[in-house]
């Protein structure tokens, strides 16, 4: 039975008069929108988080019509604000489309173009990338979408630099997520960009979700399930994250797991779609970023504590992942700056 639900999910953390206005996040919903992705946006940007030492987001939905029939008619939203809410947004989120080849409507495209023109951040979840592309805001930019639709997307929008096998892309003003589950990773990436790794980690703990999956991680694209389930890597990963400074390498990880390096490599590929060395490097860079965000300015200390070894390697790996030097990263993300 279809149910009527209140349109607006707005969360405003109490601010002192000296605090800046909250960052306004607006999500566009339309007929057939996916409730899961709406829930992701609501959970990450719409819930009050008084335990965090930062002002949180001001989140609302909007739609071309005041009543929206959600995916498969499971429920309806009523009294939804109009698309003029997009004109007041700092971040605009476009969810998936049940039929990505269907025209999203000229009023939606016009609202997205206005937001892009004034510099608002644009975010798409799953096949919402088609909506951004239809608005013309992805031409010449990196983007991704769900792997099932990559051929259709490339044929329709050849000017977009589509990355078909990653979880999400961040091209500055525009961020795109590959699928519904990747929307969680993307939203946490946005929180991390806005508030730093410590805040993002606190939110991820509330979600019981990994604090960080790199956007470059591959999507899980149609590979057969092994007949015998592989042993879980969870205990090994938990142990390794506590010993990053100890010069761990792949043979050390394999010895800890009591398997050969080749077997460990196969398990990492099957369960994490990455290699043991790439995973180790990613964890070390994440730790280095956290140390710099906490105010550690001595690069040799950061490199040694994170297991990256030298300041030179730290600079190389950080630039490869973020495009920033350590000085630029601290300036942007260090607490109190």
Protein backbone atom coordinates (compact mmCIF):
# COMPACT_ATOMS: atom_id res chain seq x y z
CA UNK A 1 0.00 0.00 0.00
CA UNK A 2 1.34 3.43 -0.89
CA UNK A 3 2.01 5.62 2.12
CA UNK A 4 2.19 9.38 2.44
CA UNK A 5 5.44 10.66 3.89
CA UNK A 6 6.51 14.14 4.89
CA UNK A 7 8.60 15.79 2.22
CA UNK A 8 11.24 17.50 4.18
CA UNK A 9 14.19 16.05 6.02
CA UNK A 10 15.93 19.12 7.35
CA UNK A 11 18.56 19.06 10.05
CA UNK A 12 19.99 22.21 11.54
CA UNK A 13 22.59 21.94 14.24
CA UNK A 14 22.24 24.74 16.78
CA UNK A 15 24.74 27.45 15.94
CA UNK A 16 26.04 30.33 17.94
CA UNK A 17 25.54 33.73 16.36
CA UNK A 18 29.21 33.78 15.43
CA UNK A 19 29.03 30.49 13.52
CA UNK A 20 28.81 30.57 9.72
CA UNK A 21 25.62 29.57 7.97
CA UNK A 22 25.32 25.79 7.50
CA UNK A 23 26.30 24.26 4.19
CA UNK A 24 23.06 23.74 2.25
CA UNK A 25 22.63 20.35 0.58
CA UNK A 26 19.64 19.88 -1.71
CA UNK A 27 18.68 16.56 -3.27
CA UNK A 28 16.49 16.46 -6.36
CA UNK A 29 13.92 13.66 -6.40
CA UNK A 30 11.49 12.84 -9.17
CA UNK A 31 9.15 10.04 -10.17
CA UNK A 32 10.85 6.68 -9.71
CA UNK A 33 13.73 7.95 -7.56
CA UNK A 34 15.52 5.31 -5.50
CA UNK A 35 14.62 5.39 -1.77
CA UNK A 36 17.99 3.91 -0.80
CA UNK A 37 19.95 6.78 -2.29
CA UNK A 38 17.59 9.28 -0.72
CA UNK A 39 18.21 7.49 2.57
CA UNK A 40 21.99 7.74 2.09
CA UNK A 41 21.77 11.49 1.59
CA UNK A 42 19.40 11.88 4.54
CA UNK A 43 21.62 9.80 6.84
CA UNK A 44 24.85 11.59 5.91
CA UNK A 45 23.65 15.16 5.56
CA UNK A 46 20.23 15.36 7.21
CA UNK A 47 20.59 13.84 10.67
CA UNK A 48 21.57 15.93 13.65
CA UNK A 49 25.05 15.14 14.94
CA UNK A 50 25.43 17.15 18.15
CA UNK A 51 28.35 14.97 19.26
CA UNK A 52 30.54 16.40 16.49
CA UNK A 53 32.49 19.64 17.08
CA UNK A 54 31.45 21.14 13.74
CA UNK A 55 28.33 22.76 12.34
CA UNK A 56 26.45 20.20 10.28
CA UNK A 57 24.60 20.45 7.00
CA UNK A 58 21.20 21.93 6.19
CA UNK A 59 19.54 19.24 4.08
CA UNK A 60 16.30 19.23 2.13
CA UNK A 61 14.63 17.53 -0.80
CA UNK A 62 13.12 19.22 -3.82
CA UNK A 63 11.25 18.11 -6.91
CA UNK A 64 9.61 19.41 -10.10
CA UNK A 65 6.26 18.34 -8.60
CA UNK A 66 4.88 18.68 -5.04
CA UNK A 67 4.03 14.96 -4.88
CA UNK A 68 6.57 12.32 -5.89
CA UNK A 69 5.85 8.63 -6.47
CA UNK A 70 9.02 6.85 -5.44
CA UNK A 71 10.49 3.76 -7.07
CA UNK A 72 7.89 1.05 -7.80
CA UNK A 73 5.25 3.07 -5.97
CA UNK A 74 6.42 1.86 -2.55
CA UNK A 75 5.48 5.24 -1.10
CA UNK A 76 4.85 8.85 -2.04
CA UNK A 77 6.42 12.08 -0.83
CA UNK A 78 4.04 14.99 -0.41
CA UNK A 79 4.45 18.77 -0.15
CA UNK A 80 7.93 18.60 -1.65
CA UNK A 81 9.56 22.02 -2.21
CA UNK A 82 10.05 23.15 -5.78
CA UNK A 83 13.25 23.30 -7.78
CA UNK A 84 13.92 26.86 -6.67
CA UNK A 85 15.56 25.19 -3.63
CA UNK A 86 18.40 24.26 -6.00
CA UNK A 87 19.13 27.96 -6.49
CA UNK A 88 19.97 28.29 -2.78
CA UNK A 89 22.06 25.12 -2.50
CA UNK A 90 25.80 24.84 -1.92
CA UNK A 91 25.69 21.17 -2.95
CA UNK A 92 23.12 19.63 -5.31
CA UNK A 93 22.63 15.85 -5.35
CA UNK A 94 21.02 14.04 -8.27
CA UNK A 95 19.93 10.44 -7.48
CA UNK A 96 19.61 7.56 -9.87
CA UNK A 97 17.05 7.44 -12.68
CA UNK A 98 15.00 4.25 -13.16
CA UNK A 99 15.45 4.66 -16.92
CA UNK A 100 18.65 6.64 -17.49
CA UNK A 101 17.83 7.10 -21.17
CA UNK A 102 14.58 8.92 -20.36
CA UNK A 103 14.57 12.70 -20.55
CA UNK A 104 14.85 14.07 -16.97
CA UNK A 105 12.81 17.16 -17.88
CA UNK A 106 13.87 20.64 -19.00
CA UNK A 107 13.16 22.26 -15.62
CA UNK A 108 15.54 19.86 -13.84
CA UNK A 109 18.27 20.41 -16.42
CA UNK A 110 17.84 24.17 -16.23
CA UNK A 111 18.15 24.10 -12.42
CA UNK A 112 21.35 22.05 -12.65
CA UNK A 113 22.84 24.42 -15.22
CA UNK A 114 22.08 27.41 -12.99
CA UNK A 115 23.72 25.68 -10.05
CA UNK A 116 26.79 24.86 -12.12
CA UNK A 117 27.06 28.42 -13.41
CA UNK A 118 27.21 29.88 -9.90
CA UNK A 119 29.76 27.30 -8.70
CA UNK A 120 27.62 24.95 -6.60
CA UNK A 121 29.01 21.47 -6.05
CA UNK A 122 27.17 18.87 -8.13
CA UNK A 123 26.87 15.23 -7.04
CA UNK A 124 25.28 12.27 -8.80
CA UNK A 125 24.50 8.83 -7.44
CA UNK A 126 24.51 5.83 -9.81
CA UNK A 127 22.70 6.63 -13.09
CA UNK A 128 22.17 10.20 -11.96
CA UNK A 129 25.34 10.77 -13.98
CA UNK A 130 23.09 10.68 -17.04
CA UNK A 131 21.18 13.67 -15.65
CA UNK A 132 24.35 15.71 -15.13
CA UNK A 133 25.57 14.76 -18.59
CA UNK A 134 22.24 15.73 -20.14
CA UNK A 135 22.61 19.13 -18.49
CA UNK A 136 25.98 19.50 -20.22
CA UNK A 137 27.98 19.96 -17.01
CA UNK A 138 30.16 16.86 -17.49
CA UNK A 139 31.71 17.67 -20.86
CA UNK A 140 35.47 17.35 -20.56
CA UNK A 141 35.24 16.09 -16.98
CA UNK A 142 35.97 12.75 -15.33
CA UNK A 143 32.86 10.85 -14.27
CA UNK A 144 31.59 7.37 -13.55
CA UNK A 145 28.27 5.54 -13.54
CA UNK A 146 26.95 2.06 -12.88
CA UNK A 147 28.86 -0.52 -14.90
CA UNK A 148 25.67 -1.87 -16.55
CA UNK A 149 25.14 1.45 -18.33
CA UNK A 150 28.65 2.39 -19.41
CA UNK A 151 28.17 1.46 -23.09
CA UNK A 152 24.98 3.50 -23.37
CA UNK A 153 26.55 6.42 -21.53
CA UNK A 154 29.66 6.51 -23.72
CA UNK A 155 27.59 6.33 -26.89
CA UNK A 156 25.31 9.15 -25.78
CA UNK A 157 27.88 11.43 -24.13
CA UNK A 158 31.25 10.94 -25.88
CA UNK A 159 32.63 14.25 -24.53
CA UNK A 160 32.61 12.95 -20.95
CA UNK A 161 35.78 11.26 -19.68
CA UNK A 162 33.97 8.21 -18.30
CA UNK A 163 35.88 6.03 -15.82
CA UNK A 164 33.84 2.81 -15.98
CA UNK A 165 35.50 0.76 -13.25
CA UNK A 166 35.86 3.03 -10.21
CA UNK A 167 33.62 3.61 -7.19
CA UNK A 168 33.45 7.38 -7.56
CA UNK A 169 35.20 10.33 -9.16
CA UNK A 170 35.93 13.79 -7.76
CA UNK A 171 36.59 16.36 -10.45
CA UNK A 172 36.43 19.35 -8.17
CA UNK A 173 33.01 20.89 -8.71
CA UNK A 174 31.47 17.60 -9.83
CA UNK A 175 31.47 14.29 -7.93
CA UNK A 176 29.92 11.13 -9.36
CA UNK A 177 29.21 7.77 -7.68
CA UNK A 178 29.10 4.50 -9.59
CA UNK A 179 26.19 2.82 -7.82
CA UNK A 180 23.84 2.89 -4.87
CA UNK A 181 26.30 1.39 -2.37
CA UNK A 182 29.07 3.62 -3.72
CA UNK A 183 26.85 6.57 -2.77
CA UNK A 184 27.84 5.87 0.86
CA UNK A 185 31.53 6.05 -0.02
CA UNK A 186 30.94 9.21 -2.00
CA UNK A 187 28.99 10.90 0.78
CA UNK A 188 31.69 10.03 3.31
CA UNK A 189 34.28 11.41 0.89
CA UNK A 190 32.32 14.68 0.81
CA UNK A 191 32.21 14.79 4.61
CA UNK A 192 35.95 14.12 4.71
CA UNK A 193 36.62 16.89 2.19
CA UNK A 194 34.46 19.36 4.10
CA UNK A 195 35.39 18.45 7.68
CA UNK A 196 38.49 16.23 7.66
CA UNK A 197 39.26 12.57 8.26
CA UNK A 198 38.47 12.57 11.98
CA UNK A 199 34.91 13.77 11.47
CA UNK A 200 34.38 11.39 8.56
CA UNK A 201 35.67 8.52 10.69
CA UNK A 202 33.25 9.43 13.48
CA UNK A 203 30.33 9.43 11.03
CA UNK A 204 31.43 6.11 9.52
CA UNK A 205 31.52 4.56 12.98
CA UNK A 206 27.93 5.65 13.48
CA UNK A 207 27.10 3.96 10.18
CA UNK A 208 29.21 0.86 10.98
CA UNK A 209 30.75 1.41 7.56
CA UNK A 210 34.40 1.49 6.42
CA UNK A 211 35.77 4.97 7.00
CA UNK A 212 37.36 5.17 3.58
CA UNK A 213 37.23 3.21 0.37
CA UNK A 214 39.33 4.94 -2.24
CA UNK A 215 37.39 6.20 -5.24
CA UNK A 216 39.81 4.42 -7.53
CA UNK A 217 38.81 1.02 -6.17
CA UNK A 218 37.21 -1.05 -8.85
CA UNK A 219 33.50 -1.73 -9.03
CA UNK A 220 32.53 -5.33 -8.41
CA UNK A 221 31.78 -6.28 -11.99
CA UNK A 222 30.36 -9.73 -12.75
CA UNK A 223 33.06 -12.05 -11.50
CA UNK A 224 31.96 -15.55 -10.51
CA UNK A 225 31.60 -16.43 -6.84
CA UNK A 226 34.17 -19.09 -5.89
CA UNK A 227 32.71 -22.50 -5.07
CA UNK A 228 34.46 -22.44 -1.68
CA UNK A 229 34.30 -19.19 0.23
CA UNK A 230 37.73 -17.74 0.88
CA UNK A 231 38.92 -17.07 4.42
CA UNK A 232 38.02 -13.61 5.67
CA UNK A 233 40.74 -10.97 5.53
CA UNK A 234 39.17 -8.96 8.33
CA UNK A 235 41.48 -10.13 11.17
CA UNK A 236 44.57 -9.55 9.02
CA UNK A 237 43.44 -6.09 7.96
CA UNK A 238 42.66 -5.11 11.55
CA UNK A 239 46.09 -6.30 12.69
CA UNK A 240 47.91 -4.58 9.82
CA UNK A 241 46.29 -1.20 10.46
CA UNK A 242 47.74 -1.31 14.00
CA UNK A 243 51.25 -2.07 12.72
CA UNK A 244 51.68 0.23 9.72
CA UNK A 245 54.80 1.86 11.16
CA UNK A 246 56.63 -1.46 11.38
CA UNK A 247 57.72 -1.69 7.77
CA UNK A 248 55.13 -4.27 6.79
CA UNK A 249 55.38 -5.70 3.31
CA UNK A 250 53.50 -8.34 1.36
CA UNK A 251 55.62 -11.29 2.60
CA UNK A 252 55.05 -10.14 6.19
CA UNK A 253 51.31 -9.98 5.62
CA UNK A 254 51.34 -13.42 4.02
CA UNK A 255 53.31 -14.84 6.94
CA UNK A 256 50.84 -13.34 9.40
CA UNK A 257 47.97 -14.95 7.47
CA UNK A 258 49.92 -18.23 7.20
CA UNK A 259 49.55 -18.34 3.42
CA UNK A 260 51.84 -17.80 0.47
CA UNK A 261 52.14 -14.32 -1.07
CA UNK A 262 50.41 -15.64 -4.19
CA UNK A 263 47.45 -16.92 -2.17
CA UNK A 264 47.25 -13.63 -0.27
CA UNK A 265 47.25 -11.75 -3.55
CA UNK A 266 44.35 -13.87 -4.84
CA UNK A 267 42.35 -13.25 -1.66
CA UNK A 268 42.88 -9.50 -1.84
CA UNK A 269 41.79 -9.50 -5.48
CA UNK A 270 38.70 -11.58 -4.74
CA UNK A 271 37.58 -9.74 -1.60
CA UNK A 272 38.86 -6.17 -2.02
CA UNK A 273 39.48 -5.89 -5.77
CA UNK A 274 42.99 -4.60 -5.06
CA UNK A 275 46.47 -5.91 -4.26
CA UNK A 276 48.05 -6.27 -0.81
CA UNK A 277 50.68 -3.65 -1.65
CA UNK A 278 48.10 -1.16 -2.94
CA UNK A 279 45.99 -1.70 0.19
CA UNK A 280 48.99 -1.16 2.47
CA UNK A 281 49.94 2.02 0.65
CA UNK A 282 46.37 3.33 0.84
CA UNK A 283 46.19 2.70 4.59
CA UNK A 284 49.50 4.46 5.12
CA UNK A 285 48.45 7.50 3.12
CA UNK A 286 45.17 7.65 5.05
CA UNK A 287 47.06 7.55 8.35
CA UNK A 288 49.50 10.21 7.13
CA UNK A 289 46.57 12.45 6.20
CA UNK A 290 45.03 12.02 9.64
CA UNK A 291 48.31 12.93 11.31
CA UNK A 292 48.63 16.09 9.24
CA UNK A 293 45.00 16.99 9.90
CA UNK A 294 45.70 16.71 13.63
CA UNK A 295 48.46 19.29 13.24
CA UNK A 296 51.65 17.26 12.84
CA UNK A 297 53.93 19.44 10.67
CA UNK A 298 57.09 17.33 10.76
CA UNK A 299 57.05 15.33 7.55
CA UNK A 300 59.71 12.90 8.74
CA UNK A 301 57.55 12.05 11.77
CA UNK A 302 54.44 11.64 9.60
CA UNK A 303 56.32 9.44 7.12
CA UNK A 304 57.84 7.28 9.85
CA UNK A 305 54.64 6.89 11.89
CA UNK A 306 52.54 6.01 8.85
CA UNK A 307 55.08 3.54 7.49
CA UNK A 308 55.78 5.54 4.33
CA UNK A 309 59.41 5.75 5.39
CA UNK A 310 60.69 9.05 4.03
CA UNK A 311 59.34 12.54 3.50
CA UNK A 312 60.09 12.14 -0.21
CA UNK A 313 57.91 9.05 -0.47
CA UNK A 314 55.21 10.80 1.56
CA UNK A 315 55.19 13.72 -0.89
CA UNK A 316 55.07 11.37 -3.89
CA UNK A 317 52.25 9.19 -2.55
CA UNK A 318 50.19 12.13 -1.27
CA UNK A 319 50.37 13.95 -4.60
CA UNK A 320 49.47 10.75 -6.44
CA UNK A 321 46.34 10.29 -4.33
CA UNK A 322 45.17 13.87 -3.70
CA UNK A 323 47.03 16.03 -6.20
CA UNK A 324 48.29 18.13 -3.26
CA UNK A 325 51.64 18.70 -1.61
CA UNK A 326 51.85 18.18 2.17
CA UNK A 327 51.87 21.95 2.67
CA UNK A 328 48.75 22.36 0.52
CA UNK A 329 47.04 19.46 2.28
CA UNK A 330 47.71 20.88 5.74
CA UNK A 331 46.55 24.32 4.66
CA UNK A 332 43.27 22.86 3.43
CA UNK A 333 42.48 20.19 6.02
CA UNK A 334 44.46 20.70 9.23
CA UNK A 335 42.29 21.33 12.28
CA UNK A 336 41.81 25.00 13.06
CA UNK A 337 43.05 26.22 9.67
